C-alpha atoms as a PDB file:
ATOM      1  CA  MET A   1     167.517 140.840 120.595  1.00  0.00           C
ATOM      2  CA  LEU A   2     170.688 140.481 122.043  1.00  0.00           C
ATOM      3  CA  GLY A   3     173.121 139.736 120.777  1.00  0.00           C
ATOM      4  CA  LEU A   4     176.296 138.044 120.764  1.00  0.00           C
ATOM      5  CA  ARG A   5     178.683 139.582 123.073  1.00  0.00           C
ATOM      6  CA  GLU A   6     175.170 140.167 125.211  1.00  0.00           C
ATOM      7  CA  VAL A   7     175.039 136.218 125.218  1.00  0.00           C
ATOM      8  CA  LYS A   8     178.488 135.429 125.900  1.00  0.00           C
ATOM      9  CA  ASP A   9     177.926 137.842 129.041  1.00  0.00           C
ATOM     10  CA  LYS A  10     174.564 136.419 130.148  1.00  0.00           C
ATOM     11  CA  ILE A  11     176.702 132.431 129.770  1.00  0.00           C
ATOM     12  CA  ALA A  12     179.555 134.155 131.904  1.00  0.00           C
ATOM     13  CA  GLU A  13     177.214 135.300 134.705  1.00  0.00           C
ATOM     14  CA  TYR A  14     175.565 132.266 135.121  1.00  0.00           C
ATOM     15  CA  LEU A  15     178.875 129.263 134.645  1.00  0.00           C
ATOM     16  CA  GLU A  16     180.504 131.959 137.255  1.00  0.00           C
ATOM     17  CA  ILE A  17     177.181 131.230 140.117  1.00  0.00           C
ATOM     18  CA  ALA A  18     176.802 127.810 138.816  1.00  0.00           C
ATOM     19  CA  LEU A  19     179.589 126.609 138.391  1.00  0.00           C
ATOM     20  CA  GLY A  20     182.592 128.700 139.700  1.00  0.00           C
ATOM     21  CA  VAL A  21     183.991 129.145 135.888  1.00  0.00           C
ATOM     22  CA  LYS A  22     185.568 132.361 134.740  1.00  0.00           C
ATOM     23  CA  GLU A  23     187.210 131.232 131.724  1.00  0.00           C
ATOM     24  CA  PHE A  24     185.946 129.642 128.954  1.00  0.00           C
ATOM     25  CA  ASP A  25     185.644 129.472 124.956  1.00  0.00           C
ATOM     26  CA  ILE A  26     182.387 130.156 122.798  1.00  0.00           C
ATOM     27  CA  THR A  27     182.679 127.008 119.785  1.00  0.00           C
ATOM     28  CA  PHE A  28     179.218 127.035 118.838  1.00  0.00           C
ATOM     29  CA  ALA A  29     176.907 129.470 118.326  1.00  0.00           C
ATOM     30  CA  VAL A  30     173.777 130.303 116.328  1.00  0.00           C
ATOM     31  CA  LEU A  31     170.503 132.139 116.490  1.00  0.00           C
ATOM     32  CA  ASP A  32     167.958 129.970 115.805  1.00  0.00           C
ATOM     33  CA  ASP A  33     163.423 129.318 115.689  1.00  0.00           C
ATOM     34  CA  ASP A  34     162.830 127.091 118.975  1.00  0.00           C
ATOM     35  CA  PRO A  35     159.304 124.573 118.462  1.00  0.00           C
ATOM     36  CA  SER A  36     157.576 127.044 120.887  1.00  0.00           C
ATOM     37  CA  GLY A  37     157.804 130.196 118.613  1.00  0.00           C
ATOM     38  CA  LYS A  38     160.714 131.913 120.212  1.00  0.00           C
ATOM     39  CA  LYS A  39     163.943 133.214 119.200  1.00  0.00           C
ATOM     40  CA  VAL A  40     167.062 131.232 120.647  1.00  0.00           C
ATOM     41  CA  TRP A  41     170.733 130.906 120.834  1.00  0.00           C
ATOM     42  CA  ARG A  42     171.950 127.708 120.904  1.00  0.00           C
ATOM     43  CA  ILE A  43     175.390 127.503 122.315  1.00  0.00           C
ATOM     44  CA  ASN A  44     178.293 124.941 122.958  1.00  0.00           C
ATOM     45  CA  ILE A  45     181.293 125.949 125.607  1.00  0.00           C
ATOM     46  CA  GLU A  46     184.571 124.951 127.008  1.00  0.00           C
ATOM     47  CA  TYR A  47     186.082 125.406 130.204  1.00  0.00           C
ATOM     48  CA  LEU A  48     189.008 123.590 132.425  1.00  0.00           C
ATOM     49  CA  PRO A  49     187.338 122.372 135.199  1.00  0.00           C
ATOM     50  CA  GLU A  50     190.811 123.463 136.985  1.00  0.00           C
ATOM     51  CA  GLU A  51     193.399 125.301 136.978  1.00  0.00           C
ATOM     52  CA  ASP A  52     195.466 122.415 136.620  1.00  0.00           C
ATOM     53  CA  ALA A  53     193.068 120.007 134.480  1.00  0.00           C
ATOM     54  CA  ILE A  54     193.884 118.955 130.975  1.00  0.00           C
ATOM     55  CA  PHE A  55     190.766 118.115 128.874  1.00  0.00           C
ATOM     56  CA  LYS A  56     188.337 120.687 128.788  1.00  0.00           C
ATOM     57  CA  ARG A  57     184.392 119.941 129.765  1.00  0.00           C
ATOM     58  CA  LYS A  58     181.937 120.702 127.113  1.00  0.00           C
ATOM     59  CA  CYS A  59     178.411 122.145 128.186  1.00  0.00           C
ATOM     60  CA  LEU A  60     175.450 123.069 125.786  1.00  0.00           C
ATOM     61  CA  PHE A  61     173.291 125.949 126.529  1.00  0.00           C
ATOM     62  CA  LYS A  62     170.291 127.313 124.749  1.00  0.00           C
ATOM     63  CA  LEU A  63     169.030 131.020 125.820  1.00  0.00           C
ATOM     64  CA  ASP A  64     165.841 133.333 125.128  1.00  0.00           C
ATOM     65  CA  ALA A  65     166.950 135.828 121.848  1.00  0.00           C
ATOM     66  CA  GLU A  66     164.621 138.529 123.381  1.00  0.00           C
ATOM     67  CA  THR A  67     165.572 138.062 126.820  1.00  0.00           C
ATOM     68  CA  GLY A  68     168.545 135.916 127.944  1.00  0.00           C
ATOM     69  CA  ASP A  69     167.054 133.488 130.260  1.00  0.00           C
ATOM     70  CA  VAL A  70     168.735 130.025 130.090  1.00  0.00           C
ATOM     71  CA  LEU A  71     166.007 127.554 129.380  1.00  0.00           C
ATOM     72  CA  GLU A  72     168.022 124.435 128.719  1.00  0.00           C
ATOM     73  CA  PHE A  73     171.357 123.709 130.185  1.00  0.00           C
ATOM     74  CA  MET A  74     173.477 120.609 130.182  1.00  0.00           C
ATOM     75  CA  GLU A  75     176.877 119.791 131.151  1.00  0.00           C
ATOM     76  CA  GLY A  76     178.449 116.530 129.114  1.00  0.00           C
ATOM     77  CA  TRP A  77     176.861 117.193 125.816  1.00  0.00           C
ATOM     78  CA  TYR A  78     177.004 119.681 123.075  1.00  0.00           C
ATOM     79  CA  TRP A  79     174.923 121.045 119.507  1.00  0.00           C
ATOM     80  CA  THR A  80     176.123 119.272 116.909  1.00  0.00           C
ATOM     81  CA  ARG A  81     173.914 121.831 114.425  1.00  0.00           C
END
């Protein structure tokens, strides 16, 4: 099972490839049961889209807790619980 450090590394890898983002903050993280029966990490992140940006963008992730595979990614959305 992946810990939060490994989850952050997986998200960093994905964000750099997908959006060119290198710096971000995790604002929400919970290890949860998925309806499929898997354990998943649900994560909210915030990042600045450009160096001189004033407002941060938000994204949500759902990662498989065993493999670290990204099961869901939505920019502009966030988990509330």
